[in-house]
Amino acid sequence: MNPTFGLVLAGGGAKGAYQAGAIKYLAEIDFVPHIIAGTSIGALNGAVLATNLNFQNAANQLDVMWRCLGKANVIQPDRGAIAQLASYIIQTSLPTFGAWATKLLESIGIRSNSKSIFDPASIETFLSRAVDPQQLRNGIELWVAVFPSLNISELQYDPAMLLIDMIRAKMGQDAHWLHVQAAQSDRQIYDILLASAAIPLAFPQREINGNIYVDGGFADNVPLGALAAQGCTHAIVIHLENGVIWNRHQFPNQTVIEIRPQDSINKSDVPLYGDAITFLDFSSDRIELLKQRGYADAKACLEPILRTLQIESDRQRSLNILQNRTQQLVDDSPVY
């Protein structure tokens, strides 16, 4: 047998710091994946890991990246986009005031053609510094999940289009798995990674080979299927929720170990609100807490497995010694 070991990184915004902590422990026990798959922030974490063939160095690099994220202000609201969204809501709910609202926004100079609430420039710059395309091409095989958005050229991506994509995902529209190393250019490498993390309305869609993509978490937040399709036999999955709707039985031919938060890592238990504020909290204290939680949960999950493997290894070694010595006795010449 020649097993292939994979690493699957789920999506979850700023909660991705949890994965950095878990990966630090994986590196300490000398785990090295042959192939990686990720969605959203998991895709970005995966790109940093795939860039460096020495997994211990890659884990350290990921830890440094998250430390820098805590100091950098990568979430920059786009005033123009927020104004557009406000205008859309006003025009939809109060059509009588639609024209007046549009003129008001234009008069105070905050109307723009932006298609996302947050300015993507900061995260694009940060990604270009964290991931070198040439090193990535020579690194660990990386796949990311993206969701094919409904592309209607006459319409902008607004809350109505978001609702349509959500319905399409619920009705069974599959995510696409993109092989990052198959990208045709450096620019396309970044676009593929940013597409997987393009939370609708928050960050802009990305066009790749004529298709428009948004966050892969719409349809496949745990892209183990991408690795199974490549023949991966064993995988460690790092979740960012302690309760995830995911059918393990869809992968009967894969041996899977799941690392997940033992307790909720959301800042609030209020539905939607708790997810939203946790997704966007890149503060240093929060990142450090999540890294510590990830390390502790990975250790709690894997230590019993490692002990069991060690016991079995010791048992097998003792059995081999006993068999060898028994055979020596059998082969010995009789004593008269």
C-alpha atoms as a PDB file:
ATOM      1  CA  MET A   1       0.000   0.000   0.000  1.00  0.00           C
ATOM      2  CA  ASN A   2       1.097   3.535  -0.775  1.00  0.00           C
ATOM      3  CA  PRO A   3      -1.174   5.892   1.187  1.00  0.00           C
ATOM      4  CA  THR A   4      -1.555   9.547   0.266  1.00  0.00           C
ATOM      5  CA  PHE A   5      -2.032  11.971   3.158  1.00  0.00           C
ATOM      6  CA  GLY A   6      -4.108  15.101   2.656  1.00  0.00           C
ATOM      7  CA  LEU A   7      -4.969  18.193   4.657  1.00  0.00           C
ATOM      8  CA  VAL A   8      -8.399  19.842   4.345  1.00  0.00           C
ATOM      9  CA  LEU A   9      -8.941  23.379   5.645  1.00  0.00           C
ATOM     10  CA  ALA A  10     -12.516  24.610   6.048  1.00  0.00           C
ATOM     11  CA  GLY A  11     -13.612  28.215   5.552  1.00  0.00           C
ATOM     12  CA  GLY A  12     -14.566  30.651   8.282  1.00  0.00           C
ATOM     13  CA  GLY A  13     -13.080  34.142   7.871  1.00  0.00           C
ATOM     14  CA  ALA A  14     -10.939  35.375  10.748  1.00  0.00           C
ATOM     15  CA  LYS A  15     -11.533  32.086  12.533  1.00  0.00           C
ATOM     16  CA  GLY A  16      -8.828  30.738  10.217  1.00  0.00           C
ATOM     17  CA  ALA A  17      -6.328  31.638  12.953  1.00  0.00           C
ATOM     18  CA  TYR A  18      -7.567  28.486  14.689  1.00  0.00           C
ATOM     19  CA  GLN A  19      -6.118  26.441  11.822  1.00  0.00           C
ATOM     20  CA  ALA A  20      -2.723  28.101  12.257  1.00  0.00           C
ATOM     21  CA  GLY A  21      -2.625  26.809  15.846  1.00  0.00           C
ATOM     22  CA  ALA A  22      -3.723  23.303  14.850  1.00  0.00           C
ATOM     23  CA  ILE A  23      -1.142  23.185  12.064  1.00  0.00           C
ATOM     24  CA  LYS A  24       1.598  24.192  14.488  1.00  0.00           C
ATOM     25  CA  TYR A  25       0.875  20.989  16.416  1.00  0.00           C
ATOM     26  CA  LEU A  26       0.744  18.916  13.211  1.00  0.00           C
ATOM     27  CA  ALA A  27       4.205  20.178  12.301  1.00  0.00           C
ATOM     28  CA  GLU A  28       5.508  19.266  15.767  1.00  0.00           C
ATOM     29  CA  ILE A  29       4.465  15.631  15.289  1.00  0.00           C
ATOM     30  CA  ASP A  30       6.097  15.599  11.823  1.00  0.00           C
ATOM     31  CA  PHE A  31       2.883  15.391   9.805  1.00  0.00           C
ATOM     32  CA  VAL A  32       3.516  16.360   6.172  1.00  0.00           C
ATOM     33  CA  PRO A  33       0.620  16.355   3.657  1.00  0.00           C
ATOM     34  CA  HIS A  34       1.064  15.238   0.071  1.00  0.00           C
ATOM     35  CA  ILE A  35      -1.913  17.341  -1.049  1.00  0.00           C
ATOM     36  CA  ILE A  36      -3.989  20.205   0.421  1.00  0.00           C
ATOM     37  CA  ALA A  37      -7.534  21.451  -0.203  1.00  0.00           C
ATOM     38  CA  GLY A  38      -9.155  24.560   1.246  1.00  0.00           C
ATOM     39  CA  THR A  39     -12.161  26.819   1.054  1.00  0.00           C
ATOM     40  CA  SER A  40     -12.204  30.586   1.665  1.00  0.00           C
ATOM     41  CA  ILE A  41      -9.739  31.404   4.465  1.00  0.00           C
ATOM     42  CA  GLY A  42      -8.766  27.734   4.357  1.00  0.00           C
ATOM     43  CA  ALA A  43      -7.662  28.251   0.750  1.00  0.00           C
ATOM     44  CA  LEU A  44      -5.473  31.196   1.771  1.00  0.00           C
ATOM     45  CA  ASN A  45      -3.984  29.239   4.681  1.00  0.00           C
ATOM     46  CA  GLY A  46      -3.431  26.317   2.323  1.00  0.00           C
ATOM     47  CA  ALA A  47      -1.585  28.524  -0.158  1.00  0.00           C
ATOM     48  CA  VAL A  48       0.896  29.617   2.511  1.00  0.00           C
ATOM     49  CA  LEU A  49       1.483  25.997   3.514  1.00  0.00           C
ATOM     50  CA  ALA A  50       1.762  24.745  -0.071  1.00  0.00           C
ATOM     51  CA  THR A  51       4.358  27.391  -0.915  1.00  0.00           C
ATOM     52  CA  ASN A  52       6.958  25.856   1.389  1.00  0.00           C
ATOM     53  CA  LEU A  53       7.913  22.184   0.956  1.00  0.00           C
ATOM     54  CA  ASN A  54       9.410  22.073   4.470  1.00  0.00           C
ATOM     55  CA  PHE A  55       6.197  21.757   6.474  1.00  0.00           C
ATOM     56  CA  GLN A  56       7.753  22.905   9.743  1.00  0.00           C
ATOM     57  CA  ASN A  57       8.886  26.111   8.059  1.00  0.00           C
ATOM     58  CA  ALA A  58       5.479  26.442   6.397  1.00  0.00           C
ATOM     59  CA  ALA A  59       3.725  26.173   9.775  1.00  0.00           C
ATOM     60  CA  ASN A  60       6.023  28.862  11.180  1.00  0.00           C
ATOM     61  CA  GLN A  61       5.362  31.060   8.158  1.00  0.00           C
ATOM     62  CA  LEU A  62       1.611  30.659   8.635  1.00  0.00           C
ATOM     63  CA  ASP A  63       1.943  31.608  12.295  1.00  0.00           C
ATOM     64  CA  VAL A  64       3.894  34.737  11.340  1.00  0.00           C
ATOM     65  CA  MET A  65       1.305  35.639   8.702  1.00  0.00           C
ATOM     66  CA  TRP A  66      -1.506  35.564  11.250  1.00  0.00           C
ATOM     67  CA  ARG A  67       0.549  37.590  13.694  1.00  0.00           C
ATOM     68  CA  CYS A  68       0.998  40.203  10.970  1.00  0.00           C
ATOM     69  CA  LEU A  69      -2.713  40.076  10.135  1.00  0.00           C
ATOM     70  CA  GLY A  70      -3.437  41.036  13.723  1.00  0.00           C
ATOM     71  CA  LYS A  71      -1.337  44.173  13.285  1.00  0.00           C
ATOM     72  CA  ALA A  72      -2.455  45.072   9.759  1.00  0.00           C
ATOM     73  CA  ASN A  73      -5.807  46.674   9.023  1.00  0.00           C
ATOM     74  CA  VAL A  74      -6.827  44.394   6.158  1.00  0.00           C
ATOM     75  CA  ILE A  75     -10.581  44.945   6.536  1.00  0.00           C
ATOM     76  CA  GLN A  76     -11.138  48.370   5.002  1.00  0.00           C
ATOM     77  CA  PRO A  77     -14.775  49.398   4.380  1.00  0.00           C
ATOM     78  CA  ASP A  78     -15.501  50.924   0.982  1.00  0.00           C
ATOM     79  CA  ARG A  79     -17.734  53.927   1.658  1.00  0.00           C
ATOM     80  CA  GLY A  80     -18.988  54.007  -1.885  1.00  0.00           C
ATOM     81  CA  ALA A  81     -20.078  50.369  -1.808  1.00  0.00           C
ATOM     82  CA  ILE A  82     -21.825  50.838   1.527  1.00  0.00           C
ATOM     83  CA  ALA A  83     -23.607  53.837   0.064  1.00  0.00           C
ATOM     84  CA  GLN A  84     -24.688  51.773  -2.934  1.00  0.00           C
ATOM     85  CA  LEU A  85     -26.036  49.060  -0.667  1.00  0.00           C
ATOM     86  CA  ALA A  86     -27.923  51.631   1.406  1.00  0.00           C
ATOM     87  CA  SER A  87     -29.315  53.155  -1.768  1.00  0.00           C
ATOM     88  CA  TYR A  88     -30.415  49.733  -3.005  1.00  0.00           C
ATOM     89  CA  ILE A  89     -32.214  48.994   0.272  1.00  0.00           C
ATOM     90  CA  ILE A  90     -33.922  52.391   0.262  1.00  0.00           C
ATOM     91  CA  GLN A  91     -35.001  52.079  -3.351  1.00  0.00           C
ATOM     92  CA  THR A  92     -36.288  48.554  -2.783  1.00  0.00           C
ATOM     93  CA  SER A  93     -38.202  49.256   0.413  1.00  0.00           C
ATOM     94  CA  LEU A  94     -39.129  52.907  -0.202  1.00  0.00           C
ATOM     95  CA  PRO A  95     -39.231  53.393  -3.981  1.00  0.00           C
ATOM     96  CA  THR A  96     -40.731  56.863  -3.602  1.00  0.00           C
ATOM     97  CA  PHE A  97     -37.512  58.082  -2.053  1.00  0.00           C
ATOM     98  CA  GLY A  98     -35.189  56.168  -4.401  1.00  0.00           C
ATOM     99  CA  ALA A  99     -34.221  59.042  -6.693  1.00  0.00           C
ATOM    100  CA  TRP A 100     -33.841  61.416  -3.764  1.00  0.00           C
ATOM    101  CA  ALA A 101     -31.556  58.960  -1.927  1.00  0.00           C
ATOM    102  CA  THR A 102     -29.360  58.473  -4.989  1.00  0.00           C
ATOM    103  CA  LYS A 103     -28.913  62.214  -5.509  1.00  0.00           C
ATOM    104  CA  LEU A 104     -28.116  62.708  -1.822  1.00  0.00           C
ATOM    105  CA  LEU A 105     -25.392  60.035  -1.882  1.00  0.00           C
ATOM    106  CA  GLU A 106     -23.882  61.526  -5.020  1.00  0.00           C
ATOM    107  CA  SER A 107     -23.970  65.058  -3.587  1.00  0.00           C
ATOM    108  CA  ILE A 108     -21.897  64.099  -0.530  1.00  0.00           C
ATOM    109  CA  GLY A 109     -19.326  62.340  -2.718  1.00  0.00           C
ATOM    110  CA  ILE A 110     -19.513  58.767  -1.468  1.00  0.00           C
ATOM    111  CA  ARG A 111     -21.135  57.116  -4.477  1.00  0.00           C
ATOM    112  CA  SER A 112     -18.814  54.785  -6.426  1.00  0.00           C
ATOM    113  CA  ASN A 113     -18.816  51.848  -8.808  1.00  0.00           C
ATOM    114  CA  SER A 114     -17.429  49.457  -6.232  1.00  0.00           C
ATOM    115  CA  LYS A 115     -18.990  46.003  -6.081  1.00  0.00           C
ATOM    116  CA  SER A 116     -18.046  45.061  -2.521  1.00  0.00           C
ATOM    117  CA  ILE A 117     -18.478  46.460   0.959  1.00  0.00           C
ATOM    118  CA  PHE A 118     -14.777  46.052   1.754  1.00  0.00           C
ATOM    119  CA  ASP A 119     -11.904  47.377  -0.300  1.00  0.00           C
ATOM    120  CA  PRO A 120     -10.028  44.311  -1.630  1.00  0.00           C
ATOM    121  CA  ALA A 121      -6.747  46.192  -2.127  1.00  0.00           C
ATOM    122  CA  SER A 122      -5.456  45.505   1.398  1.00  0.00           C
ATOM    123  CA  ILE A 123      -6.048  41.762   1.334  1.00  0.00           C
ATOM    124  CA  GLU A 124      -4.671  41.527  -2.219  1.00  0.00           C
ATOM    125  CA  THR A 125      -1.457  43.267  -1.159  1.00  0.00           C
ATOM    126  CA  PHE A 126      -1.141  41.089   1.923  1.00  0.00           C
ATOM    127  CA  LEU A 127      -1.664  37.907  -0.118  1.00  0.00           C
ATOM    128  CA  SER A 128       0.968  38.919  -2.666  1.00  0.00           C
ATOM    129  CA  ARG A 129       3.489  39.265   0.154  1.00  0.00           C
ATOM    130  CA  ALA A 130       2.536  35.981   1.833  1.00  0.00           C
ATOM    131  CA  VAL A 131       2.404  33.764  -1.278  1.00  0.00           C
ATOM    132  CA  ASP A 132       5.092  33.622  -3.957  1.00  0.00           C
ATOM    133  CA  PRO A 133       3.601  32.174  -7.184  1.00  0.00           C
ATOM    134  CA  GLN A 134       6.826  30.488  -8.296  1.00  0.00           C
ATOM    135  CA  GLN A 135       7.333  28.771  -4.958  1.00  0.00           C
ATOM    136  CA  LEU A 136       3.683  27.727  -4.967  1.00  0.00           C
ATOM    137  CA  ARG A 137       4.041  26.113  -8.401  1.00  0.00           C
ATOM    138  CA  ASN A 138       6.914  24.025  -7.024  1.00  0.00           C
ATOM    139  CA  GLY A 139       5.197  23.306  -3.721  1.00  0.00           C
ATOM    140  CA  ILE A 140       2.537  20.948  -2.364  1.00  0.00           C
ATOM    141  CA  GLU A 141      -0.405  20.256  -4.678  1.00  0.00           C
ATOM    142  CA  LEU A 142      -3.244  22.641  -3.767  1.00  0.00           C
ATOM    143  CA  TRP A 143      -6.947  22.590  -4.653  1.00  0.00           C
ATOM    144  CA  VAL A 144      -9.530  25.201  -3.655  1.00  0.00           C
ATOM    145  CA  ALA A 145     -13.329  25.267  -3.732  1.00  0.00           C
ATOM    146  CA  VAL A 146     -15.143  28.113  -5.500  1.00  0.00           C
ATOM    147  CA  PHE A 147     -18.829  28.663  -6.248  1.00  0.00           C
ATOM    148  CA  PRO A 148     -19.948  29.529  -9.807  1.00  0.00           C
ATOM    149  CA  SER A 149     -22.064  32.660  -9.472  1.00  0.00           C
ATOM    150  CA  LEU A 150     -24.949  33.347 -11.811  1.00  0.00           C
ATOM    151  CA  ASN A 151     -23.425  35.709 -14.368  1.00  0.00           C
ATOM    152  CA  ILE A 152     -25.903  38.196 -15.815  1.00  0.00           C
ATOM    153  CA  SER A 153     -23.934  40.954 -17.512  1.00  0.00           C
ATOM    154  CA  GLU A 154     -26.740  43.512 -17.276  1.00  0.00           C
ATOM    155  CA  LEU A 155     -27.024  43.171 -13.492  1.00  0.00           C
ATOM    156  CA  GLN A 156     -24.616  43.986 -10.687  1.00  0.00           C
ATOM    157  CA  TYR A 157     -24.089  41.622  -7.756  1.00  0.00           C
ATOM    158  CA  ASP A 158     -26.597  42.919  -5.206  1.00  0.00           C
ATOM    159  CA  PRO A 159     -28.583  41.340  -2.333  1.00  0.00           C
ATOM    160  CA  ALA A 160     -31.074  39.898  -4.826  1.00  0.00           C
ATOM    161  CA  MET A 161     -28.287  38.145  -6.745  1.00  0.00           C
ATOM    162  CA  LEU A 162     -26.879  36.892  -3.432  1.00  0.00           C
ATOM    163  CA  LEU A 163     -30.265  35.378  -2.608  1.00  0.00           C
ATOM    164  CA  ILE A 164     -30.385  33.703  -6.037  1.00  0.00           C
ATOM    165  CA  ASP A 165     -26.951  32.139  -5.513  1.00  0.00           C
ATOM    166  CA  MET A 166     -27.984  30.936  -2.051  1.00  0.00           C
ATOM    167  CA  ILE A 167     -31.058  29.265  -3.549  1.00  0.00           C
ATOM    168  CA  ARG A 168     -28.946  27.704  -6.314  1.00  0.00           C
ATOM    169  CA  ALA A 169     -26.563  26.279  -3.704  1.00  0.00           C
ATOM    170  CA  LYS A 170     -29.466  24.863  -1.668  1.00  0.00           C
ATOM    171  CA  MET A 171     -30.943  23.306  -4.817  1.00  0.00           C
ATOM    172  CA  GLY A 172     -27.737  21.405  -5.498  1.00  0.00           C
ATOM    173  CA  GLN A 173     -25.446  23.612  -7.579  1.00  0.00           C
ATOM    174  CA  ASP A 174     -21.999  22.143  -6.911  1.00  0.00           C
ATOM    175  CA  ALA A 175     -18.863  24.061  -6.107  1.00  0.00           C
ATOM    176  CA  HIS A 176     -15.965  23.834  -8.558  1.00  0.00           C
ATOM    177  CA  TRP A 177     -12.565  22.531  -7.493  1.00  0.00           C
ATOM    178  CA  LEU A 178      -9.702  24.467  -9.031  1.00  0.00           C
ATOM    179  CA  HIS A 179      -6.113  23.222  -9.118  1.00  0.00           C
ATOM    180  CA  VAL A 180      -4.057  26.248  -8.158  1.00  0.00           C
ATOM    181  CA  GLN A 181      -0.818  25.028  -9.765  1.00  0.00           C
ATOM    182  CA  ALA A 182      -2.674  24.741 -13.095  1.00  0.00           C
ATOM    183  CA  ALA A 183      -3.214  28.513 -13.216  1.00  0.00           C
ATOM    184  CA  GLN A 184      -2.103  30.153 -16.454  1.00  0.00           C
ATOM    185  CA  SER A 185      -0.410  33.149 -14.823  1.00  0.00           C
ATOM    186  CA  ASP A 186       0.670  34.636 -11.507  1.00  0.00           C
ATOM    187  CA  ARG A 187      -2.364  36.918 -11.612  1.00  0.00           C
ATOM    188  CA  GLN A 188      -4.652  33.932 -12.058  1.00  0.00           C
ATOM    189  CA  ILE A 189      -3.115  32.186  -9.047  1.00  0.00           C
ATOM    190  CA  TYR A 190      -4.114  35.128  -6.887  1.00  0.00           C
ATOM    191  CA  ASP A 191      -7.543  35.351  -8.521  1.00  0.00           C
ATOM    192  CA  ILE A 192      -8.241  31.678  -7.802  1.00  0.00           C
ATOM    193  CA  LEU A 193      -7.298  32.106  -4.138  1.00  0.00           C
ATOM    194  CA  LEU A 194      -9.277  35.344  -3.797  1.00  0.00           C
ATOM    195  CA  ALA A 195     -12.277  33.794  -5.574  1.00  0.00           C
ATOM    196  CA  SER A 196     -12.477  31.058  -2.949  1.00  0.00           C
ATOM    197  CA  ALA A 197     -12.564  33.767  -0.246  1.00  0.00           C
ATOM    198  CA  ALA A 198     -14.864  36.196  -2.109  1.00  0.00           C
ATOM    199  CA  ILE A 199     -17.640  36.435   0.469  1.00  0.00           C
ATOM    200  CA  PRO A 200     -20.587  37.810  -1.567  1.00  0.00           C
ATOM    201  CA  LEU A 201     -21.139  41.566  -1.144  1.00  0.00           C
ATOM    202  CA  ALA A 202     -18.182  41.746   1.264  1.00  0.00           C
ATOM    203  CA  PHE A 203     -15.522  41.134  -1.406  1.00  0.00           C
ATOM    204  CA  PRO A 204     -15.733  41.267  -5.204  1.00  0.00           C
ATOM    205  CA  GLN A 205     -16.359  38.291  -7.474  1.00  0.00           C
ATOM    206  CA  ARG A 206     -13.470  36.962  -9.523  1.00  0.00           C
ATOM    207  CA  GLU A 207     -13.445  35.950 -13.172  1.00  0.00           C
ATOM    208  CA  ILE A 208     -11.427  32.855 -14.075  1.00  0.00           C
ATOM    209  CA  ASN A 209     -11.406  31.429 -17.594  1.00  0.00           C
ATOM    210  CA  GLY A 210     -14.710  33.108 -18.399  1.00  0.00           C
ATOM    211  CA  ASN A 211     -16.506  31.972 -15.230  1.00  0.00           C
ATOM    212  CA  ILE A 212     -17.535  34.239 -12.348  1.00  0.00           C
ATOM    213  CA  TYR A 213     -16.819  32.800  -8.912  1.00  0.00           C
ATOM    214  CA  VAL A 214     -17.587  33.669  -5.287  1.00  0.00           C
ATOM    215  CA  ASP A 215     -16.793  32.052  -1.921  1.00  0.00           C
ATOM    216  CA  GLY A 216     -16.673  28.265  -2.175  1.00  0.00           C
ATOM    217  CA  GLY A 217     -18.307  27.954   1.245  1.00  0.00           C
ATOM    218  CA  PHE A 218     -21.666  28.380  -0.476  1.00  0.00           C
ATOM    219  CA  ALA A 219     -21.621  24.726  -1.558  1.00  0.00           C
ATOM    220  CA  ASP A 220     -18.450  23.053  -0.241  1.00  0.00           C
ATOM    221  CA  ASN A 221     -16.914  24.400   2.928  1.00  0.00           C
ATOM    222  CA  VAL A 222     -15.055  21.127   3.553  1.00  0.00           C
ATOM    223  CA  PRO A 223     -13.554  20.179   0.156  1.00  0.00           C
ATOM    224  CA  LEU A 224     -12.419  16.663   0.969  1.00  0.00           C
ATOM    225  CA  GLY A 225     -14.042  15.620  -2.309  1.00  0.00           C
ATOM    226  CA  ALA A 226     -11.323  17.462  -4.213  1.00  0.00           C
ATOM    227  CA  LEU A 227      -8.685  15.257  -2.584  1.00  0.00           C
ATOM    228  CA  ALA A 228     -10.710  12.055  -2.886  1.00  0.00           C
ATOM    229  CA  ALA A 229     -10.998  12.719  -6.620  1.00  0.00           C
ATOM    230  CA  GLN A 230      -7.184  12.778  -6.774  1.00  0.00           C
ATOM    231  CA  GLY A 231      -6.882   9.424  -5.014  1.00  0.00           C
ATOM    232  CA  CYS A 232      -6.093  10.712  -1.526  1.00  0.00           C
ATOM    233  CA  THR A 233      -6.541   7.859   0.960  1.00  0.00           C
ATOM    234  CA  HIS A 234      -6.010   9.551   4.342  1.00  0.00           C
ATOM    235  CA  ALA A 235      -6.856  13.094   5.420  1.00  0.00           C
ATOM    236  CA  ILE A 236      -6.901  15.413   8.394  1.00  0.00           C
ATOM    237  CA  VAL A 237      -9.776  17.904   8.272  1.00  0.00           C
ATOM    238  CA  ILE A 238      -9.577  21.104  10.342  1.00  0.00           C
ATOM    239  CA  HIS A 239     -13.038  22.590  10.877  1.00  0.00           C
ATOM    240  CA  LEU A 240     -13.852  26.086  12.123  1.00  0.00           C
ATOM    241  CA  GLU A 241     -17.152  25.144  13.759  1.00  0.00           C
ATOM    242  CA  ASN A 242     -17.823  22.639  16.529  1.00  0.00           C
ATOM    243  CA  GLY A 243     -20.998  21.554  14.771  1.00  0.00           C
ATOM    244  CA  VAL A 244     -20.771  21.192  10.989  1.00  0.00           C
ATOM    245  CA  ILE A 245     -23.311  19.763   8.549  1.00  0.00           C
ATOM    246  CA  TRP A 246     -21.017  17.349   6.738  1.00  0.00           C
ATOM    247  CA  ASN A 247     -21.674  13.794   5.666  1.00  0.00           C
ATOM    248  CA  ARG A 248     -18.622  11.724   6.542  1.00  0.00           C
ATOM    249  CA  HIS A 249     -20.209   8.677   4.885  1.00  0.00           C
ATOM    250  CA  GLN A 250     -19.820  10.250   1.438  1.00  0.00           C
ATOM    251  CA  PHE A 251     -16.162   9.207   1.664  1.00  0.00           C
ATOM    252  CA  PRO A 252     -16.139   5.484   2.533  1.00  0.00           C
ATOM    253  CA  ASN A 253     -12.719   4.934   0.947  1.00  0.00           C
ATOM    254  CA  GLN A 254     -10.923   7.663   2.913  1.00  0.00           C
ATOM    255  CA  THR A 255      -9.561   7.433   6.434  1.00  0.00           C
ATOM    256  CA  VAL A 256     -10.423  10.795   7.982  1.00  0.00           C
ATOM    257  CA  ILE A 257      -9.407  12.455  11.243  1.00  0.00           C
ATOM    258  CA  GLU A 258     -11.402  15.570  12.119  1.00  0.00           C
ATOM    259  CA  ILE A 259     -10.037  18.369  14.287  1.00  0.00           C
ATOM    260  CA  ARG A 260     -12.754  20.748  15.374  1.00  0.00           C
ATOM    261  CA  PRO A 261     -13.305  23.312  18.159  1.00  0.00           C
ATOM    262  CA  GLN A 262     -14.303  21.534  21.348  1.00  0.00           C
ATOM    263  CA  ASP A 263     -16.397  24.594  22.211  1.00  0.00           C
ATOM    264  CA  SER A 264     -17.801  27.326  20.001  1.00  0.00           C
ATOM    265  CA  ILE A 265     -15.206  29.822  18.794  1.00  0.00           C
ATOM    266  CA  ASN A 266     -17.806  32.425  17.810  1.00  0.00           C
ATOM    267  CA  LYS A 267     -17.712  35.627  19.833  1.00  0.00           C
ATOM    268  CA  SER A 268     -21.483  35.471  20.313  1.00  0.00           C
ATOM    269  CA  ASP A 269     -24.113  32.723  20.268  1.00  0.00           C
ATOM    270  CA  VAL A 270     -26.650  35.010  18.588  1.00  0.00           C
ATOM    271  CA  PRO A 271     -27.475  33.422  15.196  1.00  0.00           C
ATOM    272  CA  LEU A 272     -25.961  35.203  12.156  1.00  0.00           C
ATOM    273  CA  TYR A 273     -24.677  38.085  14.315  1.00  0.00           C
ATOM    274  CA  GLY A 274     -22.209  35.821  16.134  1.00  0.00           C
ATOM    275  CA  ASP A 275     -20.897  34.441  12.846  1.00  0.00           C
ATOM    276  CA  ALA A 276     -20.642  37.880  11.239  1.00  0.00           C
ATOM    277  CA  ILE A 277     -18.616  39.585  13.969  1.00  0.00           C
ATOM    278  CA  THR A 278     -16.354  36.538  14.370  1.00  0.00           C
ATOM    279  CA  PHE A 279     -15.730  36.338  10.614  1.00  0.00           C
ATOM    280  CA  LEU A 280     -14.319  39.853  10.545  1.00  0.00           C
ATOM    281  CA  ASP A 281     -12.456  40.128  13.866  1.00  0.00           C
ATOM    282  CA  PHE A 282      -8.759  40.162  12.922  1.00  0.00           C
ATOM    283  CA  SER A 283      -7.648  41.769  16.203  1.00  0.00           C
ATOM    284  CA  SER A 284      -4.348  40.558  17.673  1.00  0.00           C
ATOM    285  CA  ASP A 285      -5.857  39.292  20.924  1.00  0.00           C
ATOM    286  CA  ARG A 286      -8.559  37.363  19.124  1.00  0.00           C
ATOM    287  CA  ILE A 287      -6.100  35.790  16.686  1.00  0.00           C
ATOM    288  CA  GLU A 288      -3.772  34.703  19.494  1.00  0.00           C
ATOM    289  CA  LEU A 289      -6.696  33.144  21.403  1.00  0.00           C
ATOM    290  CA  LEU A 290      -7.848  31.206  18.345  1.00  0.00           C
ATOM    291  CA  LYS A 291      -4.332  29.917  17.645  1.00  0.00           C
ATOM    292  CA  GLN A 292      -4.072  28.651  21.219  1.00  0.00           C
ATOM    293  CA  ARG A 293      -7.472  26.958  20.937  1.00  0.00           C
ATOM    294  CA  GLY A 294      -6.491  25.314  17.648  1.00  0.00           C
ATOM    295  CA  TYR A 295      -3.234  23.955  19.063  1.00  0.00           C
ATOM    296  CA  ALA A 296      -4.933  22.597  22.191  1.00  0.00           C
ATOM    297  CA  ASP A 297      -7.785  20.941  20.267  1.00  0.00           C
ATOM    298  CA  ALA A 298      -5.400  19.359  17.733  1.00  0.00           C
ATOM    299  CA  LYS A 299      -3.296  17.970  20.563  1.00  0.00           C
ATOM    300  CA  ALA A 300      -6.363  16.643  22.409  1.00  0.00           C
ATOM    301  CA  CYS A 301      -7.596  14.990  19.209  1.00  0.00           C
ATOM    302  CA  LEU A 302      -4.356  13.430  18.016  1.00  0.00           C
ATOM    303  CA  GLU A 303      -2.466  12.492  21.195  1.00  0.00           C
ATOM    304  CA  PRO A 304      -4.703   9.469  21.954  1.00  0.00           C
ATOM    305  CA  ILE A 305      -4.286   8.290  18.345  1.00  0.00           C
ATOM    306  CA  LEU A 306      -0.516   8.691  18.539  1.00  0.00           C
ATOM    307  CA  ARG A 307      -0.406   6.765  21.834  1.00  0.00           C
ATOM    308  CA  THR A 308      -2.461   3.960  20.298  1.00  0.00           C
ATOM    309  CA  LEU A 309      -0.163   3.833  17.285  1.00  0.00           C
ATOM    310  CA  GLN A 310       2.880   3.743  19.563  1.00  0.00           C
ATOM    311  CA  ILE A 311       1.408   0.901  21.622  1.00  0.00           C
ATOM    312  CA  GLU A 312       0.627  -1.045  18.443  1.00  0.00           C
ATOM    313  CA  SER A 313       4.116  -0.344  17.105  1.00  0.00           C
ATOM    314  CA  ASP A 314       5.691  -1.584  20.337  1.00  0.00           C
ATOM    315  CA  ARG A 315       3.460  -4.667  20.293  1.00  0.00           C
ATOM    316  CA  GLN A 316       4.435  -5.429  16.702  1.00  0.00           C
ATOM    317  CA  ARG A 317       8.112  -4.957  17.511  1.00  0.00           C
ATOM    318  CA  SER A 318       7.863  -7.341  20.470  1.00  0.00           C
ATOM    319  CA  LEU A 319       6.018  -9.877  18.330  1.00  0.00           C
ATOM    320  CA  ASN A 320       8.709  -9.683  15.647  1.00  0.00           C
ATOM    321  CA  ILE A 321      11.448 -10.236  18.270  1.00  0.00           C
ATOM    322  CA  LEU A 322       9.571 -13.233  19.680  1.00  0.00           C
ATOM    323  CA  GLN A 323       9.074 -14.732  16.218  1.00  0.00           C
ATOM    324  CA  ASN A 324      12.737 -14.236  15.304  1.00  0.00           C
ATOM    325  CA  ARG A 325      13.987 -15.859  18.490  1.00  0.00           C
ATOM    326  CA  THR A 326      11.526 -18.705  18.152  1.00  0.00           C
ATOM    327  CA  GLN A 327      12.780 -19.307  14.630  1.00  0.00           C
ATOM    328  CA  GLN A 328      16.368 -19.272  15.892  1.00  0.00           C
ATOM    329  CA  LEU A 329      15.491 -21.976  18.414  1.00  0.00           C
ATOM    330  CA  VAL A 330      13.825 -24.032  15.729  1.00  0.00           C
ATOM    331  CA  ASP A 331      16.890 -23.687  13.473  1.00  0.00           C
ATOM    332  CA  ASP A 332      19.403 -24.555  16.189  1.00  0.00           C
ATOM    333  CA  SER A 333      21.073 -27.921  15.909  1.00  0.00           C
ATOM    334  CA  PRO A 334      19.865 -30.388  18.496  1.00  0.00           C
ATOM    335  CA  VAL A 335      22.121 -30.959  21.495  1.00  0.00           C
ATOM    336  CA  TYR A 336      22.957 -34.642  22.280  1.00  0.00           C
END
